[in-house]
Amino acid sequence: MSEVLAAAALLVAVAALVTGVLALRRTTPRADGSDLPTDVLGLRQEVAALRAEAVAGLRHLAVVRYDAFGDMGGHLSWTLALLDDAGDGVLLSSIHGRSEARTYAKNVTGWTCDTQLSPEEDEAISHARP
């Protein structure tokens, strides 16, 4: 009779071990994410797409205000740098004089410009750079 009880106890222990291993396999996350619900996988894909789009966003900016002419005060002239993560974007400069104001735009590629920059425009790019 004790042999029957020992065999039954062994059978119950093996069944418990198998059940535990199966439960552990179900709760252990897989590296490829294949065990995640489809809505979580969809959210991961959406976050990856948003991160890829954010790289091209004009999110590095700086404004430099200055006096373009020595006889004027108030720092009415300004340069605005709008650049993305790669350093591509635009420089906008507005030069204010006594009777008029002129605005200029220059393309920026890779944190540099093909045309000559004023010291204030160089400063705006350097302040916008992370």
N, C-alpha and C. Protein backbone atom coordinates (compact mmCIF):
# COMPACT_ATOMS: atom_id res chain seq x y z
N MET A 1 0.80 -1.18 0.00
CA MET A 1 0.00 0.00 0.00
C MET A 1 0.85 1.26 0.00
N SER A 2 1.96 1.24 0.73
CA SER A 2 2.84 2.40 0.76
C SER A 2 3.50 2.64 -0.59
N GLU A 3 3.67 1.55 -1.36
CA GLU A 3 4.24 1.72 -2.70
C GLU A 3 3.25 2.43 -3.61
N VAL A 4 1.99 2.18 -3.45
CA VAL A 4 0.95 2.83 -4.24
C VAL A 4 0.87 4.31 -3.87
N LEU A 5 0.97 4.61 -2.58
CA LEU A 5 0.96 6.01 -2.13
C LEU A 5 2.19 6.76 -2.63
N ALA A 6 3.35 6.11 -2.62
CA ALA A 6 4.58 6.74 -3.10
C ALA A 6 4.48 7.01 -4.60
N ALA A 7 3.92 6.05 -5.36
CA ALA A 7 3.76 6.24 -6.80
C ALA A 7 2.78 7.37 -7.09
N ALA A 8 1.69 7.44 -6.31
CA ALA A 8 0.70 8.51 -6.50
C ALA A 8 1.31 9.87 -6.17
N ALA A 9 2.11 9.91 -5.10
CA ALA A 9 2.75 11.17 -4.73
C ALA A 9 3.74 11.61 -5.80
N LEU A 10 4.47 10.63 -6.37
CA LEU A 10 5.41 10.94 -7.44
C LEU A 10 4.68 11.45 -8.67
N LEU A 11 3.54 10.85 -9.00
CA LEU A 11 2.75 11.27 -10.14
C LEU A 11 2.22 12.69 -9.94
N VAL A 12 1.75 13.02 -8.73
CA VAL A 12 1.26 14.36 -8.43
C VAL A 12 2.40 15.38 -8.51
N ALA A 13 3.59 15.02 -8.03
CA ALA A 13 4.74 15.92 -8.08
C ALA A 13 5.16 16.20 -9.52
N VAL A 14 5.17 15.17 -10.36
CA VAL A 14 5.53 15.37 -11.78
C VAL A 14 4.49 16.25 -12.46
N ALA A 15 3.20 16.03 -12.17
CA ALA A 15 2.14 16.86 -12.76
C ALA A 15 2.29 18.32 -12.32
N ALA A 16 2.62 18.54 -11.06
CA ALA A 16 2.81 19.90 -10.56
C ALA A 16 4.02 20.56 -11.22
N LEU A 17 5.08 19.79 -11.43
CA LEU A 17 6.27 20.33 -12.09
C LEU A 17 5.97 20.72 -13.53
N VAL A 18 5.25 19.86 -14.25
CA VAL A 18 4.90 20.16 -15.65
C VAL A 18 4.02 21.41 -15.71
N THR A 19 3.04 21.49 -14.81
CA THR A 19 2.16 22.66 -14.78
C THR A 19 2.95 23.94 -14.47
N GLY A 20 3.88 23.86 -13.56
CA GLY A 20 4.70 25.03 -13.22
C GLY A 20 5.57 25.48 -14.38
N VAL A 21 6.17 24.53 -15.08
CA VAL A 21 7.01 24.88 -16.23
C VAL A 21 6.19 25.52 -17.33
N LEU A 22 5.01 24.97 -17.60
CA LEU A 22 4.14 25.57 -18.63
C LEU A 22 3.69 26.97 -18.24
N ALA A 23 3.36 27.17 -16.99
CA ALA A 23 2.96 28.51 -16.53
C ALA A 23 4.12 29.49 -16.65
N LEU A 24 5.32 29.05 -16.33
CA LEU A 24 6.50 29.91 -16.43
C LEU A 24 6.78 30.29 -17.87
N ARG A 25 6.62 29.35 -18.78
CA ARG A 25 6.85 29.65 -20.20
C ARG A 25 5.85 30.67 -20.72
N ARG A 26 4.63 30.64 -20.21
CA ARG A 26 3.62 31.59 -20.65
C ARG A 26 3.87 32.99 -20.12
N THR A 27 4.49 33.12 -18.96
CA THR A 27 4.72 34.44 -18.37
C THR A 27 6.07 35.02 -18.71
N THR A 28 6.99 34.25 -19.25
CA THR A 28 8.30 34.76 -19.63
C THR A 28 8.19 35.47 -20.97
N PRO A 29 8.50 36.78 -21.05
CA PRO A 29 8.38 37.49 -22.33
C PRO A 29 9.44 37.01 -23.31
N ARG A 30 9.03 36.98 -24.55
CA ARG A 30 9.96 36.60 -25.61
C ARG A 30 10.60 37.86 -26.18
N ALA A 31 11.80 37.72 -26.67
CA ALA A 31 12.55 38.88 -27.17
C ALA A 31 11.88 39.49 -28.39
N ASP A 32 11.23 38.69 -29.22
CA ASP A 32 10.63 39.22 -30.44
C ASP A 32 9.25 39.83 -30.21
N GLY A 33 8.72 39.73 -29.00
CA GLY A 33 7.42 40.31 -28.69
C GLY A 33 6.26 39.52 -29.24
N SER A 34 6.49 38.27 -29.67
CA SER A 34 5.42 37.49 -30.29
C SER A 34 4.34 37.09 -29.31
N ASP A 35 4.61 37.15 -28.02
CA ASP A 35 3.59 36.78 -27.04
C ASP A 35 2.76 37.97 -26.58
N LEU A 36 3.03 39.16 -27.12
CA LEU A 36 2.27 40.34 -26.74
C LEU A 36 0.95 40.42 -27.49
N PRO A 37 -0.06 40.99 -26.89
CA PRO A 37 -1.33 41.19 -27.61
C PRO A 37 -1.11 42.10 -28.81
N THR A 38 -1.96 41.96 -29.81
CA THR A 38 -1.78 42.72 -31.05
C THR A 38 -1.89 44.22 -30.83
N ASP A 39 -2.69 44.67 -29.86
CA ASP A 39 -2.80 46.11 -29.63
C ASP A 39 -1.50 46.68 -29.09
N VAL A 40 -0.75 45.91 -28.29
CA VAL A 40 0.54 46.38 -27.78
C VAL A 40 1.55 46.43 -28.91
N LEU A 41 1.54 45.44 -29.78
CA LEU A 41 2.45 45.46 -30.93
C LEU A 41 2.14 46.64 -31.84
N GLY A 42 0.85 46.93 -32.01
CA GLY A 42 0.46 48.09 -32.82
C GLY A 42 0.95 49.39 -32.20
N LEU A 43 0.88 49.49 -30.88
CA LEU A 43 1.37 50.69 -30.20
C LEU A 43 2.88 50.84 -30.36
N ARG A 44 3.60 49.73 -30.27
CA ARG A 44 5.05 49.78 -30.47
C ARG A 44 5.39 50.28 -31.87
N GLN A 45 4.66 49.82 -32.86
CA GLN A 45 4.89 50.26 -34.24
C GLN A 45 4.58 51.74 -34.39
N GLU A 46 3.52 52.19 -33.76
CA GLU A 46 3.14 53.60 -33.83
C GLU A 46 4.19 54.49 -33.18
N VAL A 47 4.71 54.08 -32.03
CA VAL A 47 5.76 54.85 -31.36
C VAL A 47 7.01 54.90 -32.23
N ALA A 48 7.37 53.80 -32.87
CA ALA A 48 8.54 53.80 -33.76
C ALA A 48 8.33 54.74 -34.93
N ALA A 49 7.12 54.77 -35.49
CA ALA A 49 6.84 55.68 -36.60
C ALA A 49 6.91 57.14 -36.15
N LEU A 50 6.39 57.44 -34.96
CA LEU A 50 6.44 58.81 -34.45
C LEU A 50 7.87 59.26 -34.18
N ARG A 51 8.70 58.34 -33.66
CA ARG A 51 10.11 58.69 -33.44
C ARG A 51 10.81 58.99 -34.76
N ALA A 52 10.50 58.23 -35.80
CA ALA A 52 11.11 58.47 -37.11
C ALA A 52 10.68 59.82 -37.67
N GLU A 53 9.42 60.21 -37.46
CA GLU A 53 8.94 61.50 -37.93
C GLU A 53 9.55 62.66 -37.15
N ALA A 54 9.78 62.47 -35.87
CA ALA A 54 10.30 63.55 -35.02
C ALA A 54 11.69 63.98 -35.42
N VAL A 55 12.44 63.09 -36.04
CA VAL A 55 13.80 63.43 -36.47
C VAL A 55 13.77 64.56 -37.49
N ALA A 56 12.74 64.58 -38.35
CA ALA A 56 12.65 65.60 -39.39
C ALA A 56 11.96 66.87 -38.92
N GLY A 57 11.52 66.92 -37.67
CA GLY A 57 10.84 68.11 -37.16
C GLY A 57 11.82 69.24 -36.86
N LEU A 58 11.38 70.46 -37.10
CA LEU A 58 12.20 71.64 -36.81
C LEU A 58 12.10 71.92 -35.31
N ARG A 59 12.94 71.27 -34.54
CA ARG A 59 12.82 71.39 -33.09
C ARG A 59 14.03 72.01 -32.42
N HIS A 60 15.04 72.38 -33.19
CA HIS A 60 16.20 73.09 -32.65
C HIS A 60 16.08 74.53 -33.12
N LEU A 61 15.85 75.42 -32.19
CA LEU A 61 15.68 76.82 -32.58
C LEU A 61 16.41 77.74 -31.63
N ALA A 62 16.75 78.88 -32.17
CA ALA A 62 17.41 79.91 -31.37
C ALA A 62 17.12 81.27 -32.00
N VAL A 63 17.00 82.27 -31.16
CA VAL A 63 16.80 83.65 -31.61
C VAL A 63 17.93 84.49 -31.04
N VAL A 64 18.54 85.28 -31.92
CA VAL A 64 19.58 86.22 -31.50
C VAL A 64 19.08 87.62 -31.87
N ARG A 65 18.98 88.48 -30.88
CA ARG A 65 18.58 89.87 -31.11
C ARG A 65 19.81 90.75 -31.00
N TYR A 66 19.85 91.81 -31.84
CA TYR A 66 21.04 92.66 -31.86
C TYR A 66 20.70 94.00 -32.51
N ASP A 67 21.63 94.92 -32.39
CA ASP A 67 21.53 96.21 -33.08
C ASP A 67 22.33 96.11 -34.36
N ALA A 68 21.67 96.19 -35.50
CA ALA A 68 22.36 96.08 -36.78
C ALA A 68 23.17 97.33 -37.09
N PHE A 69 22.71 98.47 -36.59
CA PHE A 69 23.39 99.74 -36.85
C PHE A 69 23.76 100.36 -35.51
N GLY A 70 24.91 100.99 -35.45
CA GLY A 70 25.41 101.54 -34.20
C GLY A 70 24.57 102.66 -33.63
N ASP A 71 23.84 103.39 -34.48
CA ASP A 71 23.09 104.54 -33.99
C ASP A 71 21.68 104.19 -33.52
N MET A 72 21.32 102.92 -33.58
CA MET A 72 19.98 102.49 -33.14
C MET A 72 20.12 101.58 -31.93
N GLY A 73 19.18 101.67 -31.03
CA GLY A 73 19.18 100.81 -29.85
C GLY A 73 17.94 99.93 -29.82
N GLY A 74 17.82 99.16 -28.78
CA GLY A 74 16.63 98.36 -28.58
C GLY A 74 16.69 96.94 -29.12
N HIS A 75 17.79 96.58 -29.71
CA HIS A 75 17.93 95.23 -30.28
C HIS A 75 16.72 94.86 -31.13
N LEU A 76 16.42 95.69 -32.15
CA LEU A 76 15.25 95.45 -32.99
C LEU A 76 15.55 94.48 -34.14
N SER A 77 16.79 94.27 -34.48
CA SER A 77 17.14 93.29 -35.50
C SER A 77 17.24 91.91 -34.85
N TRP A 78 16.95 90.86 -35.62
CA TRP A 78 16.99 89.51 -35.05
C TRP A 78 17.29 88.48 -36.11
N THR A 79 17.77 87.34 -35.66
CA THR A 79 17.99 86.17 -36.51
C THR A 79 17.39 84.97 -35.79
N LEU A 80 16.60 84.19 -36.55
CA LEU A 80 15.95 82.99 -36.02
C LEU A 80 16.46 81.77 -36.78
N ALA A 81 16.97 80.79 -36.06
CA ALA A 81 17.40 79.52 -36.66
C ALA A 81 16.36 78.47 -36.34
N LEU A 82 15.82 77.80 -37.36
CA LEU A 82 14.87 76.69 -37.23
C LEU A 82 15.49 75.47 -37.89
N LEU A 83 15.92 74.49 -37.09
CA LEU A 83 16.68 73.36 -37.63
C LEU A 83 16.15 72.04 -37.09
N ASP A 84 16.35 70.96 -37.86
CA ASP A 84 15.98 69.62 -37.40
C ASP A 84 17.19 68.93 -36.79
N ASP A 85 17.06 67.64 -36.47
CA ASP A 85 18.14 66.91 -35.81
C ASP A 85 19.40 66.80 -36.66
N ALA A 86 19.26 66.83 -37.98
CA ALA A 86 20.41 66.73 -38.87
C ALA A 86 21.05 68.09 -39.14
N GLY A 87 20.47 69.16 -38.60
CA GLY A 87 21.01 70.50 -38.84
C GLY A 87 20.52 71.10 -40.13
N ASP A 88 19.42 70.59 -40.66
CA ASP A 88 18.83 71.12 -41.89
C ASP A 88 17.65 72.02 -41.50
N GLY A 89 17.52 73.14 -42.22
CA GLY A 89 16.43 74.05 -41.92
C GLY A 89 16.64 75.40 -42.57
N VAL A 90 16.30 76.45 -41.82
CA VAL A 90 16.33 77.80 -42.38
C VAL A 90 16.77 78.80 -41.32
N LEU A 91 17.42 79.85 -41.79
CA LEU A 91 17.75 81.02 -40.98
C LEU A 91 16.89 82.17 -41.49
N LEU A 92 16.19 82.83 -40.59
CA LEU A 92 15.44 84.03 -40.95
C LEU A 92 16.08 85.20 -40.22
N SER A 93 16.41 86.24 -40.97
CA SER A 93 17.03 87.44 -40.38
C SER A 93 16.23 88.65 -40.77
N SER A 94 15.99 89.52 -39.80
CA SER A 94 15.29 90.77 -40.04
C SER A 94 16.19 91.90 -39.55
N ILE A 95 16.58 92.77 -40.48
CA ILE A 95 17.46 93.89 -40.18
C ILE A 95 16.60 95.16 -40.15
N HIS A 96 16.57 95.79 -38.97
CA HIS A 96 15.75 96.99 -38.80
C HIS A 96 16.63 98.23 -38.82
N GLY A 97 16.24 99.16 -39.71
CA GLY A 97 16.90 100.46 -39.78
C GLY A 97 15.94 101.53 -39.33
N ARG A 98 16.34 102.78 -39.51
CA ARG A 98 15.47 103.89 -39.07
C ARG A 98 14.18 103.97 -39.87
N SER A 99 14.25 103.74 -41.18
CA SER A 99 13.06 103.94 -42.01
C SER A 99 12.53 102.66 -42.65
N GLU A 100 13.23 101.57 -42.50
CA GLU A 100 12.77 100.34 -43.13
C GLU A 100 13.31 99.11 -42.41
N ALA A 101 12.73 97.99 -42.72
CA ALA A 101 13.20 96.71 -42.22
C ALA A 101 13.26 95.73 -43.39
N ARG A 102 14.31 94.96 -43.43
CA ARG A 102 14.48 93.96 -44.49
C ARG A 102 14.59 92.59 -43.86
N THR A 103 13.98 91.61 -44.50
CA THR A 103 14.00 90.25 -43.99
C THR A 103 14.64 89.34 -45.02
N TYR A 104 15.49 88.44 -44.54
CA TYR A 104 16.23 87.52 -45.40
C TYR A 104 16.03 86.09 -44.90
N ALA A 105 16.08 85.15 -45.82
CA ALA A 105 16.02 83.72 -45.47
C ALA A 105 17.19 83.02 -46.13
N LYS A 106 17.82 82.12 -45.39
CA LYS A 106 18.96 81.34 -45.92
C LYS A 106 18.75 79.87 -45.55
N ASN A 107 19.00 79.00 -46.51
CA ASN A 107 18.91 77.56 -46.27
C ASN A 107 20.12 77.08 -45.48
N VAL A 108 19.89 76.16 -44.56
CA VAL A 108 20.96 75.56 -43.78
C VAL A 108 20.90 74.05 -44.00
N THR A 109 22.06 73.46 -44.28
CA THR A 109 22.16 72.01 -44.48
C THR A 109 23.33 71.50 -43.67
N GLY A 110 23.07 70.56 -42.79
CA GLY A 110 24.15 69.98 -41.98
C GLY A 110 24.84 71.01 -41.11
N TRP A 111 24.09 71.91 -40.53
CA TRP A 111 24.57 72.95 -39.62
C TRP A 111 25.44 74.00 -40.31
N THR A 112 25.48 74.01 -41.64
CA THR A 112 26.25 75.02 -42.38
C THR A 112 25.37 75.61 -43.48
N CYS A 113 25.85 76.71 -44.04
CA CYS A 113 25.12 77.41 -45.09
C CYS A 113 26.04 77.66 -46.27
N ASP A 114 25.47 77.59 -47.48
CA ASP A 114 26.28 77.83 -48.69
C ASP A 114 26.64 79.30 -48.84
N THR A 115 25.80 80.21 -48.37
CA THR A 115 26.09 81.63 -48.47
C THR A 115 26.79 82.11 -47.20
N GLN A 116 27.44 83.26 -47.32
CA GLN A 116 28.17 83.81 -46.18
C GLN A 116 27.19 84.22 -45.09
N LEU A 117 27.55 83.90 -43.85
CA LEU A 117 26.69 84.22 -42.71
C LEU A 117 27.26 85.39 -41.92
N SER A 118 26.36 86.16 -41.34
CA SER A 118 26.79 87.22 -40.44
C SER A 118 27.19 86.58 -39.11
N PRO A 119 27.91 87.31 -38.25
CA PRO A 119 28.25 86.75 -36.93
C PRO A 119 27.00 86.37 -36.12
N GLU A 120 25.94 87.15 -36.26
CA GLU A 120 24.70 86.85 -35.53
C GLU A 120 24.05 85.57 -36.05
N GLU A 121 24.12 85.34 -37.36
CA GLU A 121 23.56 84.11 -37.92
C GLU A 121 24.38 82.89 -37.48
N ASP A 122 25.70 83.04 -37.46
CA ASP A 122 26.55 81.96 -36.93
C ASP A 122 26.20 81.67 -35.47
N GLU A 123 25.98 82.73 -34.72
CA GLU A 123 25.64 82.56 -33.30
C GLU A 123 24.30 81.84 -33.13
N ALA A 124 23.31 82.18 -33.98
CA ALA A 124 22.00 81.53 -33.89
C ALA A 124 22.13 80.04 -34.18
N ILE A 125 22.92 79.66 -35.18
CA ILE A 125 23.11 78.24 -35.48
C ILE A 125 23.80 77.54 -34.33
N SER A 126 24.81 78.17 -33.76
CA SER A 126 25.54 77.52 -32.66
C SER A 126 24.66 77.38 -31.42
N HIS A 127 23.75 78.34 -31.17
CA HIS A 127 22.85 78.22 -30.02
C HIS A 127 21.76 77.16 -30.27
N ALA A 128 21.37 76.97 -31.52
CA ALA A 128 20.34 75.98 -31.83
C ALA A 128 20.90 74.55 -31.82
N ARG A 129 22.19 74.43 -32.01
CA ARG A 129 22.81 73.09 -32.06
C ARG A 129 22.83 72.46 -30.66
N PRO A 130 22.36 71.20 -30.57
CA PRO A 130 22.33 70.55 -29.23
C PRO A 130 23.71 70.23 -28.71
